[in-house]
Amino acid sequence: MKDRNSLISENTGLVHACARKFMGRGAEYDDLYSCGCVGLIKAADNFDESLGYRFSTYAVPVILGEIKRYFRDGGSLKMSRSLKELSLKITRFCEKYEREQGRAPTVKEIALSLGISDEDAAEALEASRLPLSLSYETEEESRQIDVAQESQEEAITEKMTLHTLLAGLPQRDRELINLRYFKGKTQVLTAKELGMTQVQVSRREKKILLSLREKMTV
């Protein structure tokens, strides 16, 4: 097994890949990268190659875990003042609209009512879902806004882990999964491309999926 320093220096690309998944959520990239590096160091310190996994397979969830902790611990997340103001206006409009109409307004209805573009309305709606507690101030008022959290970190963790596991498959197995699940080909067409029978594809596919499921739940 490579020494700790080699594992860290050769896998900083994993940190960048994980950090980029959280861009656009209000955090500074340098902060995300720093947290990810802490995760990479922890992974290097605790990795046990006897488990039979590649280091990257083990490290990605650990790195993402550190970045997630940054958000849970109230990391410094920033939104522009204009976006905060627009988000608040839309929140108030939606509350009033739902009381009067009995349903939530569409993005287009919000845009038309507030005299803004559909794109601006959609952006402000998305911003209102960030896991933030904002101290909001305008010339007229100062108040605390508790914005509802709609976290996607768990989904991101699963996707990153699955991506790493797929990259670690033997080439032929990787081609089989690519044809079946990324190109949407039937088992018959997949068998023709790989020089296998449909039965062989079916059996191999089941084994690969079972192995992936087991590793995803570790």
C-alpha atoms as a PDB file:
ATOM      1  CA  MET A   1       0.000   0.000   0.000  1.00  0.00           C
ATOM      2  CA  LYS A   2       1.192   3.517  -0.775  1.00  0.00           C
ATOM      3  CA  ASP A   3       2.208   5.661   2.170  1.00  0.00           C
ATOM      4  CA  ARG A   4      -0.124   8.284   3.605  1.00  0.00           C
ATOM      5  CA  ASN A   5       1.508  11.268   1.909  1.00  0.00           C
ATOM      6  CA  SER A   6       1.360   9.604  -1.501  1.00  0.00           C
ATOM      7  CA  LEU A   7      -2.330   8.786  -1.108  1.00  0.00           C
ATOM      8  CA  ILE A   8      -3.056  12.395  -0.223  1.00  0.00           C
ATOM      9  CA  SER A   9      -0.943  14.057  -2.924  1.00  0.00           C
ATOM     10  CA  GLU A  10      -2.148  11.736  -5.690  1.00  0.00           C
ATOM     11  CA  ASN A  11      -5.852  12.093  -4.884  1.00  0.00           C
ATOM     12  CA  THR A  12      -6.408  15.825  -4.488  1.00  0.00           C
ATOM     13  CA  GLY A  13      -8.375  15.628  -7.726  1.00  0.00           C
ATOM     14  CA  LEU A  14     -11.076  13.788  -5.770  1.00  0.00           C
ATOM     15  CA  VAL A  15     -11.374  16.802  -3.483  1.00  0.00           C
ATOM     16  CA  HIS A  16     -11.843  19.167  -6.423  1.00  0.00           C
ATOM     17  CA  ALA A  17     -14.463  16.844  -7.948  1.00  0.00           C
ATOM     18  CA  CYS A  18     -16.411  16.703  -4.684  1.00  0.00           C
ATOM     19  CA  ALA A  19     -16.120  20.432  -3.992  1.00  0.00           C
ATOM     20  CA  ARG A  20     -17.447  21.310  -7.450  1.00  0.00           C
ATOM     21  CA  LYS A  21     -20.640  19.400  -6.666  1.00  0.00           C
ATOM     22  CA  PHE A  22     -21.480  22.020  -4.028  1.00  0.00           C
ATOM     23  CA  MET A  23     -20.688  25.129  -6.060  1.00  0.00           C
ATOM     24  CA  GLY A  24     -23.530  27.578  -6.451  1.00  0.00           C
ATOM     25  CA  ARG A  25     -24.880  26.924  -2.962  1.00  0.00           C
ATOM     26  CA  GLY A  26     -23.399  30.063  -1.447  1.00  0.00           C
ATOM     27  CA  ALA A  27     -20.131  28.690  -0.087  1.00  0.00           C
ATOM     28  CA  GLU A  28     -16.704  29.900  -1.126  1.00  0.00           C
ATOM     29  CA  TYR A  29     -14.874  27.315  -3.218  1.00  0.00           C
ATOM     30  CA  ASP A  30     -11.723  27.622  -1.080  1.00  0.00           C
ATOM     31  CA  ASP A  31     -13.765  26.724   2.011  1.00  0.00           C
ATOM     32  CA  LEU A  32     -15.268  23.696   0.278  1.00  0.00           C
ATOM     33  CA  TYR A  33     -11.850  22.575  -0.902  1.00  0.00           C
ATOM     34  CA  SER A  34     -10.329  22.992   2.563  1.00  0.00           C
ATOM     35  CA  CYS A  35     -13.057  20.877   4.139  1.00  0.00           C
ATOM     36  CA  GLY A  36     -12.615  18.261   1.432  1.00  0.00           C
ATOM     37  CA  CYS A  37      -8.876  18.103   2.121  1.00  0.00           C
ATOM     38  CA  VAL A  38      -9.631  17.345   5.768  1.00  0.00           C
ATOM     39  CA  GLY A  39     -11.773  14.444   4.558  1.00  0.00           C
ATOM     40  CA  LEU A  40      -9.008  13.231   2.246  1.00  0.00           C
ATOM     41  CA  ILE A  41      -6.528  13.223   5.132  1.00  0.00           C
ATOM     42  CA  LYS A  42      -8.974  11.291   7.326  1.00  0.00           C
ATOM     43  CA  ALA A  43      -9.517   8.796   4.523  1.00  0.00           C
ATOM     44  CA  ALA A  44      -5.764   8.307   4.108  1.00  0.00           C
ATOM     45  CA  ASP A  45      -5.362   7.783   7.859  1.00  0.00           C
ATOM     46  CA  ASN A  46      -8.167   5.219   8.137  1.00  0.00           C
ATOM     47  CA  PHE A  47      -8.099   3.375   4.807  1.00  0.00           C
ATOM     48  CA  ASP A  48      -7.782  -0.400   5.122  1.00  0.00           C
ATOM     49  CA  GLU A  49      -6.820  -2.001   1.824  1.00  0.00           C
ATOM     50  CA  SER A  50      -7.733  -5.443   3.199  1.00  0.00           C
ATOM     51  CA  LEU A  51     -11.384  -4.480   2.575  1.00  0.00           C
ATOM     52  CA  GLY A  52     -10.691  -4.970  -1.118  1.00  0.00           C
ATOM     53  CA  TYR A  53     -11.794  -1.527  -2.298  1.00  0.00           C
ATOM     54  CA  ARG A  54      -9.885   1.109  -4.233  1.00  0.00           C
ATOM     55  CA  PHE A  55      -8.788   4.060  -2.138  1.00  0.00           C
ATOM     56  CA  SER A  56     -10.921   6.425  -4.209  1.00  0.00           C
ATOM     57  CA  THR A  57     -14.029   4.341  -3.484  1.00  0.00           C
ATOM     58  CA  TYR A  58     -13.424   4.737   0.240  1.00  0.00           C
ATOM     59  CA  ALA A  59     -12.270   8.362   0.104  1.00  0.00           C
ATOM     60  CA  VAL A  60     -15.118  10.004  -1.841  1.00  0.00           C
ATOM     61  CA  PRO A  61     -17.837   9.485   0.828  1.00  0.00           C
ATOM     62  CA  VAL A  62     -15.410  10.623   3.551  1.00  0.00           C
ATOM     63  CA  ILE A  63     -14.550  13.802   1.620  1.00  0.00           C
ATOM     64  CA  LEU A  64     -18.211  14.534   0.938  1.00  0.00           C
ATOM     65  CA  GLY A  65     -18.978  13.892   4.605  1.00  0.00           C
ATOM     66  CA  GLU A  66     -16.579  16.634   5.669  1.00  0.00           C
ATOM     67  CA  ILE A  67     -18.102  19.088   3.197  1.00  0.00           C
ATOM     68  CA  LYS A  68     -21.589  18.175   4.426  1.00  0.00           C
ATOM     69  CA  ARG A  69     -20.462  18.816   7.990  1.00  0.00           C
ATOM     70  CA  TYR A  70     -19.390  22.308   6.929  1.00  0.00           C
ATOM     71  CA  PHE A  71     -22.964  23.075   5.879  1.00  0.00           C
ATOM     72  CA  ARG A  72     -24.477  21.434   8.968  1.00  0.00           C
ATOM     73  CA  ASP A  73     -22.194  23.437  11.237  1.00  0.00           C
ATOM     74  CA  GLY A  74     -23.321  26.727   9.749  1.00  0.00           C
ATOM     75  CA  GLY A  75     -20.611  27.404   7.215  1.00  0.00           C
ATOM     76  CA  SER A  76     -20.436  30.892   5.839  1.00  0.00           C
ATOM     77  CA  LEU A  77     -22.880  30.902   2.931  1.00  0.00           C
ATOM     78  CA  LYS A  78     -23.475  34.053   0.959  1.00  0.00           C
ATOM     79  CA  MET A  79     -26.213  35.380  -1.272  1.00  0.00           C
ATOM     80  CA  SER A  80     -26.310  38.756  -2.963  1.00  0.00           C
ATOM     81  CA  ARG A  81     -28.471  41.449  -1.362  1.00  0.00           C
ATOM     82  CA  SER A  82     -30.637  41.764  -4.473  1.00  0.00           C
ATOM     83  CA  LEU A  83     -31.284  38.017  -4.537  1.00  0.00           C
ATOM     84  CA  LYS A  84     -32.230  38.037  -0.848  1.00  0.00           C
ATOM     85  CA  GLU A  85     -34.691  40.860  -1.448  1.00  0.00           C
ATOM     86  CA  LEU A  86     -36.231  39.199  -4.489  1.00  0.00           C
ATOM     87  CA  SER A  87     -36.464  35.882  -2.687  1.00  0.00           C
ATOM     88  CA  LEU A  88     -38.327  37.535   0.186  1.00  0.00           C
ATOM     89  CA  LYS A  89     -40.739  39.276  -2.211  1.00  0.00           C
ATOM     90  CA  ILE A  90     -41.473  35.998  -3.955  1.00  0.00           C
ATOM     91  CA  THR A  91     -42.007  34.195  -0.641  1.00  0.00           C
ATOM     92  CA  ARG A  92     -44.549  36.825   0.415  1.00  0.00           C
ATOM     93  CA  PHE A  93     -46.249  36.764  -2.981  1.00  0.00           C
ATOM     94  CA  CYS A  94     -46.507  32.964  -2.950  1.00  0.00           C
ATOM     95  CA  GLU A  95     -48.008  32.941   0.546  1.00  0.00           C
ATOM     96  CA  LYS A  96     -50.633  35.499  -0.464  1.00  0.00           C
ATOM     97  CA  TYR A  97     -51.359  33.755  -3.772  1.00  0.00           C
ATOM     98  CA  GLU A  98     -51.857  30.373  -2.100  1.00  0.00           C
ATOM     99  CA  ARG A  99     -54.268  31.868   0.447  1.00  0.00           C
ATOM    100  CA  GLU A 100     -56.331  33.506  -2.283  1.00  0.00           C
ATOM    101  CA  GLN A 101     -56.145  30.904  -5.049  1.00  0.00           C
ATOM    102  CA  GLY A 102     -55.721  27.700  -3.092  1.00  0.00           C
ATOM    103  CA  ARG A 103     -52.627  26.655  -5.031  1.00  0.00           C
ATOM    104  CA  ALA A 104     -49.018  27.639  -5.526  1.00  0.00           C
ATOM    105  CA  PRO A 105     -48.277  30.030  -8.415  1.00  0.00           C
ATOM    106  CA  THR A 106     -46.230  28.953 -11.404  1.00  0.00           C
ATOM    107  CA  VAL A 107     -42.869  30.534 -12.181  1.00  0.00           C
ATOM    108  CA  LYS A 108     -44.456  32.430 -15.074  1.00  0.00           C
ATOM    109  CA  GLU A 109     -47.235  33.779 -12.835  1.00  0.00           C
ATOM    110  CA  ILE A 110     -44.644  34.949 -10.313  1.00  0.00           C
ATOM    111  CA  ALA A 111     -42.594  36.617 -13.030  1.00  0.00           C
ATOM    112  CA  LEU A 112     -45.590  38.416 -14.537  1.00  0.00           C
ATOM    113  CA  SER A 113     -46.878  39.626 -11.171  1.00  0.00           C
ATOM    114  CA  LEU A 114     -43.506  40.973 -10.025  1.00  0.00           C
ATOM    115  CA  GLY A 115     -42.409  42.282 -13.421  1.00  0.00           C
ATOM    116  CA  ILE A 116     -39.304  40.113 -13.649  1.00  0.00           C
ATOM    117  CA  SER A 117     -38.053  37.499 -16.091  1.00  0.00           C
ATOM    118  CA  ASP A 118     -38.864  33.806 -15.756  1.00  0.00           C
ATOM    119  CA  GLU A 119     -35.156  33.163 -15.236  1.00  0.00           C
ATOM    120  CA  ASP A 120     -34.900  35.623 -12.335  1.00  0.00           C
ATOM    121  CA  ALA A 121     -38.016  34.174 -10.746  1.00  0.00           C
ATOM    122  CA  ALA A 122     -36.681  30.627 -11.012  1.00  0.00           C
ATOM    123  CA  GLU A 123     -33.292  31.644  -9.585  1.00  0.00           C
ATOM    124  CA  ALA A 124     -34.847  33.378  -6.590  1.00  0.00           C
ATOM    125  CA  LEU A 125     -37.135  30.419  -5.936  1.00  0.00           C
ATOM    126  CA  GLU A 126     -34.130  28.078  -5.969  1.00  0.00           C
ATOM    127  CA  ALA A 127     -32.205  30.402  -3.660  1.00  0.00           C
ATOM    128  CA  SER A 128     -35.045  30.322  -1.153  1.00  0.00           C
ATOM    129  CA  ARG A 129     -34.482  26.586  -0.758  1.00  0.00           C
ATOM    130  CA  LEU A 130     -30.836  26.885   0.294  1.00  0.00           C
ATOM    131  CA  PRO A 131     -30.134  25.567   3.820  1.00  0.00           C
ATOM    132  CA  LEU A 132     -29.505  29.051   5.232  1.00  0.00           C
ATOM    133  CA  SER A 133     -30.503  31.137   8.202  1.00  0.00           C
ATOM    134  CA  LEU A 134     -30.287  34.690   6.912  1.00  0.00           C
ATOM    135  CA  SER A 135     -30.038  37.922   8.812  1.00  0.00           C
ATOM    136  CA  TYR A 136     -31.979  40.058   6.389  1.00  0.00           C
ATOM    137  CA  GLU A 137     -31.893  43.844   6.397  1.00  0.00           C
ATOM    138  CA  THR A 138     -33.415  46.533   4.208  1.00  0.00           C
ATOM    139  CA  GLU A 139     -34.003  50.232   4.715  1.00  0.00           C
ATOM    140  CA  GLU A 140     -37.469  49.431   6.032  1.00  0.00           C
ATOM    141  CA  GLU A 141     -36.811  46.488   8.297  1.00  0.00           C
ATOM    142  CA  SER A 142     -34.391  44.094   9.902  1.00  0.00           C
ATOM    143  CA  ARG A 143     -35.458  40.541  10.456  1.00  0.00           C
ATOM    144  CA  GLN A 144     -34.304  36.924  10.617  1.00  0.00           C
ATOM    145  CA  ILE A 145     -35.394  34.594   7.839  1.00  0.00           C
ATOM    146  CA  ASP A 146     -35.353  30.865   8.468  1.00  0.00           C
ATOM    147  CA  VAL A 147     -35.258  29.366   4.993  1.00  0.00           C
ATOM    148  CA  ALA A 148     -36.508  25.812   4.561  1.00  0.00           C
ATOM    149  CA  GLN A 149     -33.868  23.211   3.874  1.00  0.00           C
ATOM    150  CA  GLU A 150     -34.110  20.879   0.933  1.00  0.00           C
ATOM    151  CA  SER A 151     -30.814  19.034   1.187  1.00  0.00           C
ATOM    152  CA  GLN A 152     -29.419  17.088  -1.739  1.00  0.00           C
ATOM    153  CA  GLU A 153     -26.101  16.090  -0.217  1.00  0.00           C
ATOM    154  CA  GLU A 154     -27.131  12.467   0.343  1.00  0.00           C
ATOM    155  CA  ALA A 155     -28.041  12.094  -3.317  1.00  0.00           C
ATOM    156  CA  ILE A 156     -24.749  13.686  -4.305  1.00  0.00           C
ATOM    157  CA  THR A 157     -22.848  11.292  -2.043  1.00  0.00           C
ATOM    158  CA  GLU A 158     -24.558   8.280  -3.600  1.00  0.00           C
ATOM    159  CA  LYS A 159     -23.899   9.493  -7.149  1.00  0.00           C
ATOM    160  CA  MET A 160     -20.243  10.197  -6.439  1.00  0.00           C
ATOM    161  CA  THR A 161     -19.776   6.805  -4.787  1.00  0.00           C
ATOM    162  CA  LEU A 162     -21.515   5.017  -7.647  1.00  0.00           C
ATOM    163  CA  HIS A 163     -19.378   6.876 -10.204  1.00  0.00           C
ATOM    164  CA  THR A 164     -16.215   5.769  -8.398  1.00  0.00           C
ATOM    165  CA  LEU A 165     -17.404   2.166  -8.130  1.00  0.00           C
ATOM    166  CA  LEU A 166     -18.223   2.053 -11.838  1.00  0.00           C
ATOM    167  CA  ALA A 167     -14.789   3.422 -12.691  1.00  0.00           C
ATOM    168  CA  GLY A 168     -13.262   0.559 -10.704  1.00  0.00           C
ATOM    169  CA  LEU A 169     -15.069  -2.194 -12.631  1.00  0.00           C
ATOM    170  CA  PRO A 170     -13.203  -4.372 -15.147  1.00  0.00           C
ATOM    171  CA  GLN A 171     -13.442  -2.858 -18.622  1.00  0.00           C
ATOM    172  CA  ARG A 172     -15.849  -5.476 -19.974  1.00  0.00           C
ATOM    173  CA  ASP A 173     -18.215  -5.091 -17.023  1.00  0.00           C
ATOM    174  CA  ARG A 174     -18.017  -1.316 -17.376  1.00  0.00           C
ATOM    175  CA  GLU A 175     -18.931  -1.602 -21.068  1.00  0.00           C
ATOM    176  CA  LEU A 176     -21.878  -3.840 -20.217  1.00  0.00           C
ATOM    177  CA  ILE A 177     -23.275  -1.382 -17.668  1.00  0.00           C
ATOM    178  CA  ASN A 178     -22.651   1.538 -20.025  1.00  0.00           C
ATOM    179  CA  LEU A 179     -24.562  -0.130 -22.853  1.00  0.00           C
ATOM    180  CA  ARG A 180     -27.441  -1.239 -20.647  1.00  0.00           C
ATOM    181  CA  TYR A 181     -27.965   1.762 -18.383  1.00  0.00           C
ATOM    182  CA  PHE A 182     -26.367   4.767 -20.060  1.00  0.00           C
ATOM    183  CA  LYS A 183     -27.102   3.974 -23.705  1.00  0.00           C
ATOM    184  CA  GLY A 184     -30.373   2.189 -22.942  1.00  0.00           C
ATOM    185  CA  LYS A 185     -29.694  -0.888 -25.070  1.00  0.00           C
ATOM    186  CA  THR A 186     -31.530  -4.155 -24.605  1.00  0.00           C
ATOM    187  CA  GLN A 187     -29.770  -7.265 -23.384  1.00  0.00           C
ATOM    188  CA  VAL A 188     -29.959  -8.705 -26.917  1.00  0.00           C
ATOM    189  CA  LEU A 189     -28.228  -5.685 -28.499  1.00  0.00           C
ATOM    190  CA  THR A 190     -25.715  -5.556 -25.668  1.00  0.00           C
ATOM    191  CA  ALA A 191     -24.914  -9.222 -26.187  1.00  0.00           C
ATOM    192  CA  LYS A 192     -24.265  -8.629 -29.913  1.00  0.00           C
ATOM    193  CA  GLU A 193     -21.875  -5.758 -29.218  1.00  0.00           C
ATOM    194  CA  LEU A 194     -19.944  -7.667 -26.579  1.00  0.00           C
ATOM    195  CA  GLY A 195     -19.913 -11.006 -28.377  1.00  0.00           C
ATOM    196  CA  MET A 196     -21.968 -12.694 -25.680  1.00  0.00           C
ATOM    197  CA  THR A 197     -25.311 -14.450 -25.494  1.00  0.00           C
ATOM    198  CA  GLN A 198     -28.353 -12.763 -24.005  1.00  0.00           C
ATOM    199  CA  VAL A 199     -28.302 -15.252 -21.130  1.00  0.00           C
ATOM    200  CA  GLN A 200     -24.656 -14.444 -20.376  1.00  0.00           C
ATOM    201  CA  VAL A 201     -25.419 -10.716 -20.345  1.00  0.00           C
ATOM    202  CA  SER A 202     -28.370 -11.251 -18.025  1.00  0.00           C
ATOM    203  CA  ARG A 203     -26.367 -13.328 -15.544  1.00  0.00           C
ATOM    204  CA  ARG A 204     -23.346 -11.019 -15.597  1.00  0.00           C
ATOM    205  CA  GLU A 205     -25.517  -7.937 -15.211  1.00  0.00           C
ATOM    206  CA  LYS A 206     -27.185  -9.380 -12.109  1.00  0.00           C
ATOM    207  CA  LYS A 207     -23.810 -10.159 -10.530  1.00  0.00           C
ATOM    208  CA  ILE A 208     -22.475  -6.674 -11.243  1.00  0.00           C
ATOM    209  CA  LEU A 209     -25.565  -4.956  -9.829  1.00  0.00           C
ATOM    210  CA  LEU A 210     -25.517  -7.142  -6.722  1.00  0.00           C
ATOM    211  CA  SER A 211     -21.856  -6.282  -6.145  1.00  0.00           C
ATOM    212  CA  LEU A 212     -22.521  -2.558  -6.597  1.00  0.00           C
ATOM    213  CA  ARG A 213     -25.455  -2.633  -4.175  1.00  0.00           C
ATOM    214  CA  GLU A 214     -23.364  -4.373  -1.521  1.00  0.00           C
ATOM    215  CA  LYS A 215     -20.550  -1.846  -1.838  1.00  0.00           C
ATOM    216  CA  MET A 216     -22.976   1.099  -1.820  1.00  0.00           C
ATOM    217  CA  THR A 217     -24.360  -0.027   1.533  1.00  0.00           C
ATOM    218  CA  VAL A 218     -20.969  -0.476   3.236  1.00  0.00           C
END
